[in-house]
Amino acid sequence: MAQNSNSRRFPNIKTTILYFFTFMAVLVIAFPWLYEVKSRAGINISRSRHAGTFFEKHTYGLFRCEWLYPYHCDRSQTK
């Protein structure tokens, strides 16, 4: 007896959707922790420049340093 070709595909779509929603739920739950890790780590462009102050200066204040990297803001670099 031949199987319908769609019968094997349907459970795969259900499984994919289940995995997607599980992945999104884990990201939503972990977001505060991930944001804290990102904020504490920061990104240095060079020894004297930090990404937060760089973005604030070059976007004319659209992205504030305190929003991106609250632990690494140095107002002397933004002027």
Protein backbone atom coordinates (compact mmCIF):
# COMPACT_ATOMS: atom_id res chain seq x y z
CA MET A 1 0.00 0.00 0.00
CA ALA A 2 1.45 3.37 -1.03
CA GLN A 3 1.63 6.17 1.46
CA ASN A 4 0.51 9.65 0.65
CA SER A 5 3.60 11.86 0.24
CA ASN A 6 2.03 14.59 2.39
CA SER A 7 1.52 12.28 5.36
CA ARG A 8 5.23 12.32 6.24
CA ARG A 9 5.60 16.05 5.70
CA PHE A 10 2.82 17.15 8.04
CA PRO A 11 4.43 15.89 11.29
CA ASN A 12 7.71 17.54 10.24
CA ILE A 13 5.97 20.91 9.95
CA LYS A 14 4.40 20.43 13.38
CA THR A 15 7.78 19.51 14.85
CA THR A 16 9.47 22.50 13.22
CA ILE A 17 6.81 24.87 14.58
CA LEU A 18 7.14 23.31 18.04
CA TYR A 19 10.93 23.74 17.97
CA PHE A 20 10.58 27.34 16.79
CA PHE A 21 8.19 28.30 19.60
CA THR A 22 10.35 26.50 22.14
CA PHE A 23 13.43 28.38 20.92
CA MET A 24 11.58 31.72 21.07
CA ALA A 25 10.30 30.99 24.59
CA VAL A 26 13.84 30.21 25.78
CA LEU A 27 15.12 33.48 24.27
CA VAL A 28 12.35 35.51 25.92
CA ILE A 29 13.01 33.90 29.29
CA ALA A 30 16.80 34.34 28.98
CA PHE A 31 16.69 37.92 27.63
CA PRO A 32 17.32 39.74 30.96
CA TRP A 33 20.34 37.54 31.68
CA LEU A 34 21.68 37.86 28.12
CA TYR A 35 21.25 41.65 28.23
CA GLU A 36 23.13 41.83 31.53
CA VAL A 37 26.00 39.76 30.12
CA LYS A 38 26.16 41.98 27.02
CA SER A 39 26.05 45.16 29.11
CA ARG A 40 28.81 44.06 31.44
CA ALA A 41 31.07 42.75 28.67
CA GLY A 42 30.82 45.76 26.37
CA ILE A 43 32.61 46.08 23.05
CA ASN A 44 35.84 47.96 22.64
CA ILE A 45 36.55 49.24 19.14
CA SER A 46 40.09 50.16 20.15
CA ARG A 47 41.93 50.72 23.44
CA SER A 48 40.59 54.27 23.74
CA ARG A 49 37.15 53.85 22.09
CA HIS A 50 34.12 51.95 23.32
CA ALA A 51 31.22 50.94 21.06
CA GLY A 52 28.59 52.69 23.24
CA THR A 53 30.21 56.10 23.01
CA PHE A 54 31.06 55.53 19.34
CA PHE A 55 27.43 54.74 18.43
CA GLU A 56 26.11 57.67 20.45
CA LYS A 57 28.46 60.11 18.73
CA HIS A 58 27.94 58.83 15.19
CA THR A 59 24.14 58.51 15.43
CA TYR A 60 23.88 62.00 16.97
CA GLY A 61 22.38 60.65 20.20
CA LEU A 62 19.83 58.31 18.62
CA PHE A 63 21.46 55.41 20.53
CA ARG A 64 22.48 56.46 24.02
CA CYS A 65 25.55 54.88 25.57
CA GLU A 66 23.65 54.13 28.78
CA TRP A 67 21.07 52.12 26.84
CA LEU A 68 23.62 50.00 25.02
CA TYR A 69 26.38 49.51 27.60
CA PRO A 70 25.47 51.06 30.96
CA TYR A 71 28.65 49.80 32.66
CA HIS A 72 31.04 51.34 30.12
CA CYS A 73 29.87 54.91 29.48
CA ASP A 74 32.49 57.61 29.57
CA ARG A 75 31.10 61.03 28.67
CA SER A 76 34.58 62.40 27.93
CA GLN A 77 34.77 60.27 24.76
CA THR A 78 31.46 61.43 23.25
CA LYS A 79 32.46 65.06 22.74
